[in-house]
Amino acid sequence: MKTMVRFIRRFGRDVSGATAIEYGLIATFVSLAVLSSIQLLGTTLVTDFYDVIVAAFNP
C-alpha cells in the first residue's frame, strides 16, 4: 500500500511531460494560423494572378 501511495504522489508531482504538451499546443495553434491565412489570402492571390495573366493576353 505504501508503494502505491508513493507512486501516486510521485506521479502527481511529475511535470516532465507538460513541456512537450505545451509545445505541441503551440505548434498546433501556429499551424492553424498559417493554414487559415493561406486559405484566406490564397484565393485572392490566385484570382488576382489569373486576372493579370488574362489581361496580358487580351489586347
PDB file of N, CA and C in Angstrom:
ATOM      1  N   MET A   1       0.818  -1.197   0.000  1.00  0.00           N
ATOM      2  CA  MET A   1       0.000   0.000   0.000  1.00  0.00           C
ATOM      3  C   MET A   1       0.864   1.265   0.000  1.00  0.00           C
ATOM      4  N   LYS A   2       1.954   1.234   0.779  1.00  0.00           N
ATOM      5  CA  LYS A   2       2.830   2.409   0.837  1.00  0.00           C
ATOM      6  C   LYS A   2       3.465   2.687  -0.523  1.00  0.00           C
ATOM      7  N   THR A   3       3.781   1.625  -1.235  1.00  0.00           N
ATOM      8  CA  THR A   3       4.390   1.814  -2.548  1.00  0.00           C
ATOM      9  C   THR A   3       3.415   2.482  -3.500  1.00  0.00           C
ATOM     10  N   MET A   4       2.162   2.114  -3.436  1.00  0.00           N
ATOM     11  CA  MET A   4       1.155   2.702  -4.307  1.00  0.00           C
ATOM     12  C   MET A   4       0.960   4.179  -3.975  1.00  0.00           C
ATOM     13  N   VAL A   5       0.924   4.526  -2.715  1.00  0.00           N
ATOM     14  CA  VAL A   5       0.766   5.919  -2.299  1.00  0.00           C
ATOM     15  C   VAL A   5       1.973   6.723  -2.753  1.00  0.00           C
ATOM     16  N   ARG A   6       3.177   6.159  -2.603  1.00  0.00           N
ATOM     17  CA  ARG A   6       4.390   6.837  -3.045  1.00  0.00           C
ATOM     18  C   ARG A   6       4.374   7.054  -4.554  1.00  0.00           C
ATOM     19  N   PHE A   7       3.921   6.038  -5.277  1.00  0.00           N
ATOM     20  CA  PHE A   7       3.844   6.147  -6.733  1.00  0.00           C
ATOM     21  C   PHE A   7       2.865   7.241  -7.151  1.00  0.00           C
ATOM     22  N   ILE A   8       1.722   7.312  -6.518  1.00  0.00           N
ATOM     23  CA  ILE A   8       0.707   8.318  -6.857  1.00  0.00           C
ATOM     24  C   ILE A   8       1.221   9.720  -6.541  1.00  0.00           C
ATOM     25  N   ARG A   9       1.897   9.881  -5.402  1.00  0.00           N
ATOM     26  CA  ARG A   9       2.455  11.199  -5.063  1.00  0.00           C
ATOM     27  C   ARG A   9       3.533  11.610  -6.053  1.00  0.00           C
ATOM     28  N   ARG A  10       4.405  10.679  -6.395  1.00  0.00           N
ATOM     29  CA  ARG A  10       5.474  10.992  -7.341  1.00  0.00           C
ATOM     30  C   ARG A  10       4.895  11.295  -8.714  1.00  0.00           C
ATOM     31  N   PHE A  11       3.875  10.558  -9.111  1.00  0.00           N
ATOM     32  CA  PHE A  11       3.228  10.793 -10.396  1.00  0.00           C
ATOM     33  C   PHE A  11       2.557  12.163 -10.427  1.00  0.00           C
ATOM     34  N   GLY A  12       1.964  12.584  -9.338  1.00  0.00           N
ATOM     35  CA  GLY A  12       1.305  13.886  -9.260  1.00  0.00           C
ATOM     36  C   GLY A  12       2.278  15.045  -9.327  1.00  0.00           C
ATOM     37  N   ARG A  13       3.497  14.851  -8.853  1.00  0.00           N
ATOM     38  CA  ARG A  13       4.498  15.921  -8.878  1.00  0.00           C
ATOM     39  C   ARG A  13       5.293  15.947 -10.170  1.00  0.00           C
ATOM     40  N   ASP A  14       5.215  14.900 -10.961  1.00  0.00           N
ATOM     41  CA  ASP A  14       5.997  14.821 -12.190  1.00  0.00           C
ATOM     42  C   ASP A  14       5.426  15.763 -13.241  1.00  0.00           C
ATOM     43  N   VAL A  15       6.241  16.674 -13.741  1.00  0.00           N
ATOM     44  CA  VAL A  15       5.802  17.637 -14.747  1.00  0.00           C
ATOM     45  C   VAL A  15       6.655  17.543 -16.014  1.00  0.00           C
ATOM     46  N   SER A  16       7.336  16.444 -16.204  1.00  0.00           N
ATOM     47  CA  SER A  16       8.254  16.326 -17.341  1.00  0.00           C
ATOM     48  C   SER A  16       7.526  16.294 -18.678  1.00  0.00           C
ATOM     49  N   GLY A  17       6.329  15.790 -18.736  1.00  0.00           N
ATOM     50  CA  GLY A  17       5.587  15.730 -19.991  1.00  0.00           C
ATOM     51  C   GLY A  17       4.812  17.005 -20.299  1.00  0.00           C
ATOM     52  N   ALA A  18       4.706  17.893 -19.327  1.00  0.00           N
ATOM     53  CA  ALA A  18       3.923  19.118 -19.526  1.00  0.00           C
ATOM     54  C   ALA A  18       4.548  20.015 -20.593  1.00  0.00           C
ATOM     55  N   THR A  19       5.856  20.080 -20.642  1.00  0.00           N
ATOM     56  CA  THR A  19       6.522  20.929 -21.624  1.00  0.00           C
ATOM     57  C   THR A  19       6.249  20.443 -23.033  1.00  0.00           C
ATOM     58  N   ALA A  20       6.300  19.138 -23.234  1.00  0.00           N
ATOM     59  CA  ALA A  20       6.034  18.589 -24.563  1.00  0.00           C
ATOM     60  C   ALA A  20       4.597  18.882 -25.001  1.00  0.00           C
ATOM     61  N   ILE A  21       3.683  18.785 -24.081  1.00  0.00           N
ATOM     62  CA  ILE A  21       2.281  19.071 -24.399  1.00  0.00           C
ATOM     63  C   ILE A  21       2.114  20.548 -24.743  1.00  0.00           C
ATOM     64  N   GLU A  22       2.780  21.419 -23.995  1.00  0.00           N
ATOM     65  CA  GLU A  22       2.688  22.852 -24.277  1.00  0.00           C
ATOM     66  C   GLU A  22       3.260  23.176 -25.653  1.00  0.00           C
ATOM     67  N   TYR A  23       4.412  22.606 -25.976  1.00  0.00           N
ATOM     68  CA  TYR A  23       4.996  22.842 -27.295  1.00  0.00           C
ATOM     69  C   TYR A  23       4.099  22.283 -28.396  1.00  0.00           C
ATOM     70  N   GLY A  24       3.470  21.180 -28.150  1.00  0.00           N
ATOM     71  CA  GLY A  24       2.539  20.616 -29.126  1.00  0.00           C
ATOM     72  C   GLY A  24       1.345  21.529 -29.362  1.00  0.00           C
ATOM     73  N   LEU A  25       0.818  22.100 -28.295  1.00  0.00           N
ATOM     74  CA  LEU A  25      -0.308  23.036 -28.434  1.00  0.00           C
ATOM     75  C   LEU A  25       0.113  24.301 -29.173  1.00  0.00           C
ATOM     76  N   ILE A  26       1.296  24.803 -28.870  1.00  0.00           N
ATOM     77  CA  ILE A  26       1.785  25.992 -29.564  1.00  0.00           C
ATOM     78  C   ILE A  26       1.947  25.705 -31.051  1.00  0.00           C
ATOM     79  N   ALA A  27       2.534  24.563 -31.382  1.00  0.00           N
ATOM     80  CA  ALA A  27       2.717  24.201 -32.789  1.00  0.00           C
ATOM     81  C   ALA A  27       1.375  24.042 -33.490  1.00  0.00           C
ATOM     82  N   THR A  28       0.393  23.502 -32.800  1.00  0.00           N
ATOM     83  CA  THR A  28      -0.935  23.334 -33.381  1.00  0.00           C
ATOM     84  C   THR A  28      -1.565  24.688 -33.701  1.00  0.00           C
ATOM     85  N   PHE A  29      -1.492  25.622 -32.753  1.00  0.00           N
ATOM     86  CA  PHE A  29      -2.097  26.931 -32.974  1.00  0.00           C
ATOM     87  C   PHE A  29      -1.365  27.719 -34.049  1.00  0.00           C
ATOM     88  N   VAL A  30      -0.048  27.603 -34.104  1.00  0.00           N
ATOM     89  CA  VAL A  30       0.705  28.296 -35.148  1.00  0.00           C
ATOM     90  C   VAL A  30       0.344  27.728 -36.518  1.00  0.00           C
ATOM     91  N   SER A  31       0.251  26.404 -36.619  1.00  0.00           N
ATOM     92  CA  SER A  31      -0.095  25.802 -37.905  1.00  0.00           C
ATOM     93  C   SER A  31      -1.523  26.168 -38.323  1.00  0.00           C
ATOM     94  N   LEU A  32      -2.439  26.256 -37.370  1.00  0.00           N
ATOM     95  CA  LEU A  32      -3.801  26.682 -37.703  1.00  0.00           C
ATOM     96  C   LEU A  32      -3.824  28.121 -38.200  1.00  0.00           C
ATOM     97  N   ALA A  33      -3.024  28.982 -37.586  1.00  0.00           N
ATOM     98  CA  ALA A  33      -2.966  30.375 -38.037  1.00  0.00           C
ATOM     99  C   ALA A  33      -2.381  30.469 -39.436  1.00  0.00           C
ATOM    100  N   VAL A  34      -1.340  29.708 -39.709  1.00  0.00           N
ATOM    101  CA  VAL A  34      -0.722  29.722 -41.034  1.00  0.00           C
ATOM    102  C   VAL A  34      -1.686  29.181 -42.082  1.00  0.00           C
ATOM    103  N   LEU A  35      -2.329  28.074 -41.780  1.00  0.00           N
ATOM    104  CA  LEU A  35      -3.264  27.485 -42.742  1.00  0.00           C
ATOM    105  C   LEU A  35      -4.448  28.400 -43.021  1.00  0.00           C
ATOM    106  N   SER A  36      -4.976  29.026 -41.995  1.00  0.00           N
ATOM    107  CA  SER A  36      -6.129  29.908 -42.234  1.00  0.00           C
ATOM    108  C   SER A  36      -5.722  31.144 -43.027  1.00  0.00           C
ATOM    109  N   SER A  37      -4.532  31.688 -42.764  1.00  0.00           N
ATOM    110  CA  SER A  37      -4.105  32.850 -43.545  1.00  0.00           C
ATOM    111  C   SER A  37      -3.810  32.470 -44.988  1.00  0.00           C
ATOM    112  N   ILE A  38      -3.259  31.305 -45.204  1.00  0.00           N
ATOM    113  CA  ILE A  38      -3.025  30.839 -46.577  1.00  0.00           C
ATOM    114  C   ILE A  38      -4.350  30.639 -47.298  1.00  0.00           C
ATOM    115  N   GLN A  39      -5.310  30.093 -46.592  1.00  0.00           N
ATOM    116  CA  GLN A  39      -6.618  29.869 -47.207  1.00  0.00           C
ATOM    117  C   GLN A  39      -7.290  31.194 -47.556  1.00  0.00           C
ATOM    118  N   LEU A  40      -7.209  32.168 -46.660  1.00  0.00           N
ATOM    119  CA  LEU A  40      -7.846  33.467 -46.926  1.00  0.00           C
ATOM    120  C   LEU A  40      -7.129  34.231 -48.026  1.00  0.00           C
ATOM    121  N   LEU A  41      -5.814  34.254 -47.977  1.00  0.00           N
ATOM    122  CA  LEU A  41      -5.056  35.006 -48.967  1.00  0.00           C
ATOM    123  C   LEU A  41      -4.859  34.239 -50.269  1.00  0.00           C
ATOM    124  N   GLY A  42      -4.872  32.941 -50.192  1.00  0.00           N
ATOM    125  CA  GLY A  42      -4.602  32.124 -51.366  1.00  0.00           C
ATOM    126  C   GLY A  42      -5.601  32.323 -52.479  1.00  0.00           C
ATOM    127  N   THR A  43      -6.857  32.347 -52.159  1.00  0.00           N
ATOM    128  CA  THR A  43      -7.875  32.519 -53.201  1.00  0.00           C
ATOM    129  C   THR A  43      -7.778  33.905 -53.816  1.00  0.00           C
ATOM    130  N   THR A  44      -7.497  34.907 -53.009  1.00  0.00           N
ATOM    131  CA  THR A  44      -7.354  36.271 -53.528  1.00  0.00           C
ATOM    132  C   THR A  44      -6.145  36.369 -54.447  1.00  0.00           C
ATOM    133  N   LEU A  45      -5.035  35.792 -54.029  1.00  0.00           N
ATOM    134  CA  LEU A  45      -3.828  35.864 -54.841  1.00  0.00           C
ATOM    135  C   LEU A  45      -3.979  35.111 -56.149  1.00  0.00           C
ATOM    136  N   VAL A  46      -4.610  33.955 -56.102  1.00  0.00           N
ATOM    137  CA  VAL A  46      -4.808  33.173 -57.326  1.00  0.00           C
ATOM    138  C   VAL A  46      -5.726  33.918 -58.281  1.00  0.00           C
ATOM    139  N   THR A  47      -6.789  34.494 -57.769  1.00  0.00           N
ATOM    140  CA  THR A  47      -7.721  35.232 -58.615  1.00  0.00           C
ATOM    141  C   THR A  47      -7.043  36.454 -59.228  1.00  0.00           C
ATOM    142  N   ASP A  48      -6.305  37.210 -58.421  1.00  0.00           N
ATOM    143  CA  ASP A  48      -5.602  38.389 -58.940  1.00  0.00           C
ATOM    144  C   ASP A  48      -4.548  37.986 -59.970  1.00  0.00           C
ATOM    145  N   PHE A  49      -3.819  36.928 -59.695  1.00  0.00           N
ATOM    146  CA  PHE A  49      -2.793  36.453 -60.616  1.00  0.00           C
ATOM    147  C   PHE A  49      -3.431  36.011 -61.935  1.00  0.00           C
ATOM    148  N   TYR A  50      -4.547  35.327 -61.848  1.00  0.00           N
ATOM    149  CA  TYR A  50      -5.271  34.888 -63.034  1.00  0.00           C
ATOM    150  C   TYR A  50      -5.751  36.089 -63.840  1.00  0.00           C
ATOM    151  N   ASP A  51      -6.262  37.104 -63.155  1.00  0.00           N
ATOM    152  CA  ASP A  51      -6.729  38.318 -63.842  1.00  0.00           C
ATOM    153  C   ASP A  51      -5.590  39.020 -64.562  1.00  0.00           C
ATOM    154  N   VAL A  52      -4.403  39.043 -63.953  1.00  0.00           N
ATOM    155  CA  VAL A  52      -3.241  39.685 -64.581  1.00  0.00           C
ATOM    156  C   VAL A  52      -2.839  38.929 -65.825  1.00  0.00           C
ATOM    157  N   ILE A  53      -2.843  37.604 -65.763  1.00  0.00           N
ATOM    158  CA  ILE A  53      -2.472  36.793 -66.925  1.00  0.00           C
ATOM    159  C   ILE A  53      -3.492  36.962 -68.046  1.00  0.00           C
ATOM    160  N   VAL A  54      -4.760  36.951 -67.723  1.00  0.00           N
ATOM    161  CA  VAL A  54      -5.809  37.137 -68.725  1.00  0.00           C
ATOM    162  C   VAL A  54      -5.687  38.515 -69.360  1.00  0.00           C
ATOM    163  N   ALA A  55      -5.440  39.531 -68.553  1.00  0.00           N
ATOM    164  CA  ALA A  55      -5.303  40.894 -69.071  1.00  0.00           C
ATOM    165  C   ALA A  55      -4.083  41.023 -69.973  1.00  0.00           C
ATOM    166  N   ALA A  56      -3.045  40.256 -69.696  1.00  0.00           N
ATOM    167  CA  ALA A  56      -1.836  40.325 -70.515  1.00  0.00           C
ATOM    168  C   ALA A  56      -2.073  39.737 -71.908  1.00  0.00           C
ATOM    169  N   PHE A  57      -2.955  38.767 -72.020  1.00  0.00           N
ATOM    170  CA  PHE A  57      -3.222  38.130 -73.305  1.00  0.00           C
ATOM    171  C   PHE A  57      -4.344  38.797 -74.086  1.00  0.00           C
ATOM    172  N   ASN A  58      -5.170  39.576 -73.427  1.00  0.00           N
ATOM    173  CA  ASN A  58      -6.234  40.296 -74.103  1.00  0.00           C
ATOM    174  C   ASN A  58      -5.767  41.703 -74.430  1.00  0.00           C
ATOM    175  N   PRO A  59      -5.886  42.095 -75.694  1.00  0.00           N
ATOM    176  CA  PRO A  59      -5.418  43.450 -76.075  1.00  0.00           C
ATOM    177  C   PRO A  59      -6.329  44.535 -75.574  1.00  0.00           C
TER     178      PRO A  59
END
